[in-house]
Amino acid sequence: MAHPSQLGFQDAASPVMEELLHFHDHALMIVFLISTLVLYIIVAMVTTKLTNKFILDSQEIEIIWTLLPAIILILIALPSLRILYLMDEINDPHLTIKAMGHQWYWSYEYTDYEDLGFDSYMIPTQDLTPGQFRLLETDHRMVVPVESPIRILISAEDVLHSWAVPSLGVKMDAVPGRLNQTAFIASRPGVFYGQCSEICGANHSFMPIVVEAVPLEHFENWSSLMLEDA
């Protein structure tokens, strides 16, 4: 959950998001070192006489400013490619959920069950109870078991949407006529909030996403109750 004046990311709730946070710190440190070096060179050139204005050619300098950026790019690219591979990898999901974007709500279908699906609308401000979050709460949450691979099939019925939950490190476009997929593992129980991240019309800001990760036993009880009410 985000906080006022927050500068960093939300707390990670999935292995992929933890990897993304580590990569962010890694890349930020490289940027900091480069910025420090450039600033030092600029200050040295302005404030000292340790410069030579008459160098026309230097093989050593050419090698240094060719190899050094290449090495830096490799140090950034390798962990980035590893994370991209992890985000695309879907091995033996325990549960598959189809998320469909509409103007302006989400519908969910648990494809492993015969008749388990529901629409998820934002709760209006006047209907909120104390402790609930404005513009983030929904009447039905997407409930998933904790520490289980979950596959999400994402599409849209009308216009472009985007299913995004920052704490889980998930963001996937919902495109009409196209079925995209992604996966995540909730590493701890909790309630995780997201929002549509693709401008989709007048009420784009009013179609939140709420994922509740619970122990497997609680998930089985929840699914049984939902099937009884269907």
Protein backbone atom coordinates (compact mmCIF):
# COMPACT_ATOMS: atom_id res chain seq x y z
CA MET A 1 0.00 0.00 0.00
CA ALA A 2 1.37 3.41 -0.96
CA HIS A 3 1.77 6.15 1.65
CA PRO A 4 1.65 9.96 1.39
CA SER A 5 4.99 11.50 0.31
CA GLN A 6 6.36 8.03 -0.44
CA LEU A 7 9.53 8.14 -2.57
CA GLY A 8 10.26 4.44 -3.05
CA PHE A 9 8.35 1.42 -4.26
CA GLN A 10 5.69 -0.43 -2.30
CA ASP A 11 6.78 -3.40 -0.19
CA ALA A 12 7.35 -6.44 -2.37
CA ALA A 13 4.80 -9.23 -2.05
CA SER A 14 6.14 -11.58 -4.73
CA PRO A 15 9.56 -12.97 -5.73
CA VAL A 16 9.50 -11.06 -9.03
CA MET A 17 8.86 -7.75 -7.28
CA GLU A 18 11.75 -8.45 -4.92
CA GLU A 19 13.99 -9.00 -7.95
CA LEU A 20 12.75 -5.75 -9.49
CA LEU A 21 13.58 -3.84 -6.31
CA HIS A 22 17.08 -5.32 -6.24
CA PHE A 23 17.60 -4.42 -9.90
CA HIS A 24 16.37 -0.87 -9.24
CA ASP A 25 18.95 -0.48 -6.45
CA HIS A 26 21.65 -1.98 -8.70
CA ALA A 27 20.87 0.36 -11.61
CA LEU A 28 20.51 3.38 -9.33
CA MET A 29 23.96 2.79 -7.84
CA ILE A 30 25.49 2.65 -11.32
CA VAL A 31 23.72 5.90 -12.26
CA PHE A 32 24.96 7.50 -9.03
CA LEU A 33 28.57 6.50 -9.72
CA ILE A 34 28.39 7.78 -13.31
CA SER A 35 26.84 11.06 -12.18
CA THR A 36 29.53 11.49 -9.52
CA LEU A 37 32.30 10.85 -12.06
CA VAL A 38 30.85 13.29 -14.59
CA LEU A 39 30.36 15.96 -11.92
CA TYR A 40 33.95 15.49 -10.73
CA ILE A 41 35.29 15.87 -14.28
CA ILE A 42 33.26 19.03 -14.86
CA VAL A 43 34.38 20.59 -11.57
CA ALA A 44 38.00 19.62 -12.24
CA MET A 45 37.93 21.18 -15.70
CA VAL A 46 36.42 24.42 -14.41
CA THR A 47 38.44 24.90 -11.22
CA THR A 48 41.89 23.46 -12.05
CA LYS A 49 44.45 23.62 -14.82
CA LEU A 50 44.72 19.83 -15.10
CA THR A 51 43.44 19.87 -18.67
CA ASN A 52 45.17 19.77 -22.00
CA LYS A 53 43.48 21.73 -24.75
CA PHE A 54 45.86 20.56 -27.45
CA ILE A 55 45.29 16.77 -27.50
CA LEU A 56 44.26 15.81 -31.02
CA ASP A 57 44.51 12.04 -30.71
CA SER A 58 44.90 9.48 -27.92
CA GLN A 59 44.51 5.77 -28.50
CA GLU A 60 44.34 5.06 -24.77
CA ILE A 61 41.47 7.50 -24.20
CA GLU A 62 39.59 6.09 -27.19
CA ILE A 63 39.83 2.58 -25.75
CA ILE A 64 38.74 3.70 -22.28
CA TRP A 65 35.63 5.62 -23.36
CA THR A 66 34.62 2.79 -25.67
CA LEU A 67 35.10 -0.14 -23.29
CA LEU A 68 33.85 1.52 -20.11
CA PRO A 69 30.32 2.32 -21.41
CA ALA A 70 30.12 -1.16 -22.95
CA ILE A 71 30.97 -2.77 -19.60
CA ILE A 72 28.42 -0.57 -17.81
CA LEU A 73 25.70 -1.53 -20.31
CA ILE A 74 26.50 -5.21 -19.82
CA LEU A 75 26.26 -4.81 -16.03
CA ILE A 76 22.79 -3.33 -16.50
CA ALA A 77 21.58 -5.63 -19.29
CA LEU A 78 22.40 -9.03 -17.78
CA PRO A 79 20.28 -8.75 -14.60
CA SER A 80 17.56 -7.02 -16.62
CA LEU A 81 17.34 -9.90 -19.10
CA ARG A 82 17.25 -12.38 -16.22
CA ILE A 83 14.25 -10.62 -14.67
CA LEU A 84 12.47 -10.41 -18.03
CA TYR A 85 12.89 -14.17 -18.37
CA LEU A 86 11.54 -14.76 -14.85
CA MET A 87 8.50 -12.56 -15.56
CA ASP A 88 7.65 -14.51 -18.73
CA GLU A 89 8.19 -17.94 -17.20
CA ILE A 90 4.99 -19.78 -16.24
CA ASN A 91 5.60 -23.27 -14.88
CA ASP A 92 2.72 -25.50 -13.78
CA PRO A 93 0.32 -22.86 -12.41
CA HIS A 94 -1.85 -24.06 -9.52
CA LEU A 95 -4.68 -21.70 -10.49
CA THR A 96 -5.72 -19.86 -13.65
CA ILE A 97 -7.85 -16.72 -13.50
CA LYS A 98 -9.23 -14.80 -16.45
CA ALA A 99 -9.43 -11.03 -15.86
CA MET A 100 -11.58 -9.07 -18.29
CA GLY A 101 -11.52 -5.28 -18.43
CA HIS A 102 -14.73 -3.34 -19.00
CA GLN A 103 -15.72 0.31 -18.91
CA TRP A 104 -15.30 0.67 -15.95
CA TYR A 105 -14.92 -2.46 -13.85
CA TRP A 106 -13.15 -5.80 -13.88
CA SER A 107 -14.65 -9.27 -14.13
CA TYR A 108 -12.88 -12.43 -12.95
CA GLU A 109 -13.41 -16.05 -13.94
CA TYR A 110 -11.67 -18.92 -12.16
CA THR A 111 -11.26 -21.29 -15.09
CA ASP A 112 -10.37 -24.30 -12.92
CA TYR A 113 -13.89 -24.21 -11.47
CA GLU A 114 -17.09 -24.91 -13.34
CA ASP A 115 -18.99 -21.79 -12.31
CA LEU A 116 -16.85 -19.40 -10.29
CA GLY A 117 -16.78 -15.85 -11.58
CA PHE A 118 -17.87 -12.37 -10.56
CA ASP A 119 -17.70 -8.69 -11.42
CA SER A 120 -15.60 -6.34 -9.31
CA TYR A 121 -16.83 -2.74 -8.98
CA MET A 122 -15.33 0.10 -7.00
CA ILE A 123 -17.19 0.89 -3.77
CA PRO A 124 -18.45 4.50 -3.95
CA THR A 125 -17.05 6.91 -1.39
CA GLN A 126 -20.38 7.32 0.40
CA ASP A 127 -20.62 3.54 0.94
CA LEU A 128 -17.17 3.04 2.48
CA THR A 129 -16.84 1.84 6.06
CA PRO A 130 -14.19 3.19 8.47
CA GLY A 131 -10.77 1.79 7.58
CA GLN A 132 -11.49 1.27 3.89
CA PHE A 133 -9.51 3.16 1.25
CA ARG A 134 -11.18 5.69 -1.03
CA LEU A 135 -11.07 4.82 -4.76
CA LEU A 136 -9.33 1.51 -4.01
CA GLU A 137 -11.90 -0.78 -2.41
CA THR A 138 -14.06 -3.13 -4.47
CA ASP A 139 -17.23 -5.06 -3.71
CA HIS A 140 -15.52 -8.34 -4.68
CA ARG A 141 -11.83 -9.06 -4.26
CA MET A 142 -9.80 -11.44 -6.40
CA VAL A 143 -8.83 -14.07 -3.81
CA VAL A 144 -5.78 -16.28 -4.42
CA PRO A 145 -3.89 -18.83 -2.30
CA VAL A 146 -0.57 -17.67 -0.92
CA GLU A 147 2.72 -19.22 -2.14
CA SER A 148 1.04 -20.76 -5.20
CA PRO A 149 1.84 -19.98 -8.85
CA ILE A 150 -1.12 -18.04 -10.27
CA ARG A 151 -1.62 -17.51 -14.00
CA ILE A 152 -3.67 -14.50 -15.09
CA LEU A 153 -5.25 -14.40 -18.55
CA ILE A 154 -6.02 -10.77 -19.36
CA SER A 155 -8.21 -9.26 -22.06
CA ALA A 156 -10.77 -6.49 -22.52
CA GLU A 157 -14.29 -6.30 -23.86
CA ASP A 158 -14.39 -2.71 -25.13
CA VAL A 159 -11.25 -0.53 -25.04
CA LEU A 160 -7.64 -0.84 -23.87
CA HIS A 161 -7.15 -1.40 -20.15
CA SER A 162 -4.16 -2.49 -18.07
CA TRP A 163 -4.22 -4.85 -15.08
CA ALA A 164 -1.55 -3.66 -12.63
CA VAL A 165 -0.76 -4.52 -9.00
CA PRO A 166 2.55 -2.86 -8.01
CA SER A 167 3.20 -4.90 -4.84
CA LEU A 168 3.07 -8.11 -6.88
CA GLY A 169 5.20 -6.74 -9.71
CA VAL A 170 2.42 -7.33 -12.23
CA LYS A 171 1.34 -5.07 -15.09
CA MET A 172 -0.21 -6.40 -18.28
CA ASP A 173 -2.23 -4.67 -20.99
CA ALA A 174 -5.81 -5.80 -21.56
CA VAL A 175 -6.42 -5.59 -25.31
CA PRO A 176 -9.79 -6.33 -26.96
CA GLY A 177 -9.55 -9.45 -29.11
CA ARG A 178 -6.19 -10.48 -27.65
CA LEU A 179 -5.49 -12.76 -24.69
CA ASN A 180 -2.34 -11.81 -22.77
CA GLN A 181 -1.01 -13.80 -19.85
CA THR A 182 1.24 -13.24 -16.89
CA ALA A 183 1.89 -14.97 -13.59
CA PHE A 184 2.79 -14.22 -10.01
CA ILE A 185 3.29 -15.89 -6.63
CA ALA A 186 2.03 -14.05 -3.57
CA SER A 187 4.79 -14.65 -1.03
CA ARG A 188 2.79 -13.52 2.00
CA PRO A 189 -0.86 -13.14 3.02
CA GLY A 190 -2.34 -9.70 2.61
CA VAL A 191 -4.49 -7.36 0.56
CA PHE A 192 -2.78 -5.74 -2.40
CA TYR A 193 -4.21 -2.83 -4.36
CA GLY A 194 -3.81 -1.80 -7.97
CA GLN A 195 -5.55 0.25 -10.61
CA CYS A 196 -6.14 0.29 -14.33
CA SER A 197 -2.94 1.72 -15.82
CA GLU A 198 -4.18 2.53 -19.32
CA ILE A 199 -6.39 5.57 -19.90
CA CYS A 200 -9.72 4.03 -20.89
CA GLY A 201 -12.32 6.77 -20.71
CA ALA A 202 -14.15 9.05 -18.33
CA ASN A 203 -14.09 6.68 -15.33
CA HIS A 204 -10.57 5.34 -15.84
CA SER A 205 -9.68 6.31 -12.26
CA PHE A 206 -12.61 4.36 -10.82
CA MET A 207 -11.82 0.73 -11.67
CA PRO A 208 -9.42 -0.43 -8.94
CA ILE A 209 -7.97 -3.92 -8.52
CA VAL A 210 -7.86 -5.70 -5.17
CA VAL A 211 -6.00 -8.99 -4.75
CA GLU A 212 -6.34 -10.82 -1.44
CA ALA A 213 -3.79 -13.55 -0.75
CA VAL A 214 -4.89 -16.07 1.87
CA PRO A 215 -3.72 -19.49 3.11
CA LEU A 216 -4.84 -22.42 0.97
CA GLU A 217 -7.37 -23.62 3.54
CA HIS A 218 -9.06 -20.21 3.63
CA PHE A 219 -9.08 -20.10 -0.17
CA GLU A 220 -10.82 -23.47 -0.36
CA ASN A 221 -13.45 -22.27 2.12
CA TRP A 222 -13.95 -19.06 0.13
CA SER A 223 -14.30 -20.90 -3.18
CA SER A 224 -16.82 -23.32 -1.65
CA LEU A 225 -18.94 -20.43 -0.40
CA MET A 226 -18.77 -18.69 -3.79
CA LEU A 227 -19.83 -21.88 -5.59
CA GLU A 228 -22.75 -22.33 -3.20
CA ASP A 229 -23.93 -18.77 -3.87
CA ALA A 230 -23.54 -19.10 -7.64
